């Protein structure tokens, strides 16, 4: 299906966002194709029962987790990566055995039409249905009862989805966004950091939930960082970015107008050019933005990047921790102490050290937020688990009833309770010396001997 739709999909995304086919292929189609290939390779193992350890009393039982599909699920896609954000969760739903309804975003209408065409052509309509439509369609779908809802989008809409799901106690996966901070420490390579940050910001014209949202740079290197980011923009997109075929456009006029207003929230160091007719906003770096300005309080979701100086890493940690937990935190540093400090003191869905966006291409690394940036994770095995219920199973032999007599009334002997305790319950760490150790060793040995005797006696009885 992905191969068949490739040409039409490239054209559709270009129609919606003027996004170059190479970028669409790498960030959307190939990403999804990789996720699918990984699932196909490992699905047999994921579907297998997962045996767990048990206590001595239940040692001969089969104790395991059995994955079963949650049922019929709703997937609400998003417009910025249309095929990835619809098909990646659908891979998890299909691999777990769920039926699914996929609601495509109306914000990218051409891409949505192409996706629906091929979904309807290749997927069994009795199990998988695709809907286009506006907010009214999504609202109608949310009124129905589902076994799981998977949503990708803004925090505001995520709250609406969670409220609707709560009416039926439906579990949800919310892949939201927020403001992803970047910290550039004095120990890093400034040129490389500048290149990777500005690339991460310019992919899809910044319309990515994991795009760098603002930068804290050590004041010693802040001028150099801005200068190198400007130089790398020129290298990637040429002297006139608006004429570059490699730089996408803002999705619609509403988002263009919202982003244009943010350009007044500080001093423009470079960029700032706009064209409302083509929804073009140049890659822009801004300094001096007040902490309470919209550019510093709202998710930007565009190619505008505020940069601020810092001297003590504790200032940065304090700033981030006072705000909602981000989907991703980015750190550029070669200092092990700084890396550990950010890892342990800044809560975020993911931490990338010395790179941007690239955690998304690793199928063994689950992706998701924390707090206001979302709940639940997916990609790779995590997608399968998101749409599966791991049923706990205890399968006990019908024989060996002599062992089970310990748990039945009458409770007329203290030794029964002691024996059951030794056999059936996990205990704190055993004492290593003294009288406590002697008592523990003797009682455990007697419990094991009693169990072995009962097992042997019962086996002999069953055979007779």
Foldseek 3Di string as FASTA:
>chain_A
DLVVLLVQLQVLVCVQKLAHSVLLCVPASVLLVLLLVLCVVCLVVLQDWAFDDFFQLQRVWTWTWGKAFLEEEEQEADDLRFRRRFRQLVSLNVSRPYFYEYEGECLSPSNLVSVQVVCVVPPDCVRYHYHYDHVVVVVVVLQDADQEYEYEEALVVVVVSVVSNVVNVHYYWYQHAFAAEEEEEPAFDLLLLLLQLLVLCQRSQNQDRQHHQEYEYAPVCVVVNVVSNVVNLCVVQNPDNVPRSNGIADRALVLLVVLLVCVPQAAWPDFSDADSVRRDGTQTEGEDGDCPDCSNGPRNSGNYYYYYYDHDVVVVLVSQVVDFQGQEYEYEHPDPVSVVCCVPRHDWQYYHYSHGPVVSSDQVRWGHTPGSSIDATGGNSSSNVVRIDTDIDIGGDPFLCLSVVLVDDPPPDPLSVLLCCLGHDDDPDQDDDDPSNVVNVVSNVVSVVVSVVSVVVRVVVVVD
